[in-house]
Amino acid sequence: KPAVLFLHDFLIDGTFGWNMQIEFFTKESNAFIPNLVFFDGLSLTLTEKTEAFQADCM
């Protein structure tokens, strides 16, 4: 199956924002719905909280 990556906005976790789409896309693809870094209680310095760091993690 092809892979689909769902990325959430900066307000809430991954599955909440995509709950209506997940069922549809998982029928034909492997869906990956990670939480962005810092949405899991992880605390790093402010200099590490950049878009580039998030992109590298994904």
C-alpha atoms as a PDB file:
ATOM      1  CA  LYS A   1       0.000   0.000   0.000  1.00  0.00           C
ATOM      2  CA  PRO A   2       1.184   3.564  -0.570  1.00  0.00           C
ATOM      3  CA  ALA A   3       2.011   5.685   2.454  1.00  0.00           C
ATOM      4  CA  VAL A   4       0.161   8.836   3.498  1.00  0.00           C
ATOM      5  CA  LEU A   5       1.608  11.173   6.122  1.00  0.00           C
ATOM      6  CA  PHE A   6      -0.855  13.344   8.053  1.00  0.00           C
ATOM      7  CA  LEU A   7       0.641  16.306   9.887  1.00  0.00           C
ATOM      8  CA  HIS A   8      -1.453  18.210  12.386  1.00  0.00           C
ATOM      9  CA  ASP A   9      -1.630  21.912  13.047  1.00  0.00           C
ATOM     10  CA  PHE A  10      -0.022  23.573  16.032  1.00  0.00           C
ATOM     11  CA  LEU A  11      -3.147  23.536  18.190  1.00  0.00           C
ATOM     12  CA  ILE A  12      -3.787  19.880  19.059  1.00  0.00           C
ATOM     13  CA  ASP A  13      -2.505  16.324  18.542  1.00  0.00           C
ATOM     14  CA  GLY A  14      -2.392  14.406  15.264  1.00  0.00           C
ATOM     15  CA  THR A  15      -5.392  12.106  15.390  1.00  0.00           C
ATOM     16  CA  PHE A  16      -7.883  14.709  16.590  1.00  0.00           C
ATOM     17  CA  GLY A  17      -7.452  16.936  13.551  1.00  0.00           C
ATOM     18  CA  TRP A  18      -7.661  14.059  11.044  1.00  0.00           C
ATOM     19  CA  ASN A  19     -10.257  11.774  12.660  1.00  0.00           C
ATOM     20  CA  MET A  20     -12.756  12.188   9.780  1.00  0.00           C
ATOM     21  CA  GLN A  21     -10.141  11.375   7.082  1.00  0.00           C
ATOM     22  CA  ILE A  22      -8.278   8.498   8.746  1.00  0.00           C
ATOM     23  CA  GLU A  23     -10.885   5.820   8.056  1.00  0.00           C
ATOM     24  CA  PHE A  24     -11.106   6.728   4.356  1.00  0.00           C
ATOM     25  CA  PHE A  25      -7.352   6.808   3.736  1.00  0.00           C
ATOM     26  CA  THR A  26      -6.484   3.647   5.673  1.00  0.00           C
ATOM     27  CA  LYS A  27      -8.621   1.557   3.302  1.00  0.00           C
ATOM     28  CA  GLU A  28      -6.193   2.134   0.433  1.00  0.00           C
ATOM     29  CA  SER A  29      -2.966   3.252   2.124  1.00  0.00           C
ATOM     30  CA  ASN A  30      -0.783   3.012   5.194  1.00  0.00           C
ATOM     31  CA  ALA A  31      -1.492   6.161   7.181  1.00  0.00           C
ATOM     32  CA  PHE A  32       1.136   7.643   9.463  1.00  0.00           C
ATOM     33  CA  ILE A  33      -0.191  10.202  11.953  1.00  0.00           C
ATOM     34  CA  PRO A  34       2.623  11.255  14.267  1.00  0.00           C
ATOM     35  CA  ASN A  35       2.404  13.958  16.857  1.00  0.00           C
ATOM     36  CA  LEU A  36       4.738  16.812  16.127  1.00  0.00           C
ATOM     37  CA  VAL A  37       7.621  17.201  18.546  1.00  0.00           C
ATOM     38  CA  PHE A  38       6.699  19.137  21.706  1.00  0.00           C
ATOM     39  CA  PHE A  39       3.122  17.784  21.675  1.00  0.00           C
ATOM     40  CA  ASP A  40       4.133  14.796  23.788  1.00  0.00           C
ATOM     41  CA  GLY A  41       5.421  16.603  26.877  1.00  0.00           C
ATOM     42  CA  LEU A  42       8.990  16.736  25.564  1.00  0.00           C
ATOM     43  CA  SER A  43      10.712  19.944  26.576  1.00  0.00           C
ATOM     44  CA  LEU A  44      13.674  21.315  24.674  1.00  0.00           C
ATOM     45  CA  THR A  45      15.163  24.790  24.501  1.00  0.00           C
ATOM     46  CA  LEU A  46      13.394  27.455  22.469  1.00  0.00           C
ATOM     47  CA  THR A  47      16.195  27.513  19.896  1.00  0.00           C
ATOM     48  CA  GLU A  48      15.337  23.910  18.968  1.00  0.00           C
ATOM     49  CA  LYS A  49      11.651  24.675  18.313  1.00  0.00           C
ATOM     50  CA  THR A  50      11.899  25.519  14.630  1.00  0.00           C
ATOM     51  CA  GLU A  51      10.074  24.425  11.498  1.00  0.00           C
ATOM     52  CA  ALA A  52      13.313  22.919  10.201  1.00  0.00           C
ATOM     53  CA  PHE A  53      13.688  20.793  13.353  1.00  0.00           C
ATOM     54  CA  GLN A  54      10.075  19.562  13.000  1.00  0.00           C
ATOM     55  CA  ALA A  55      10.708  18.703   9.313  1.00  0.00           C
ATOM     56  CA  ASP A  56      13.869  16.780  10.175  1.00  0.00           C
ATOM     57  CA  CYS A  57      11.962  14.768  12.782  1.00  0.00           C
ATOM     58  CA  MET A  58       9.206  13.863  10.342  1.00  0.00           C
END
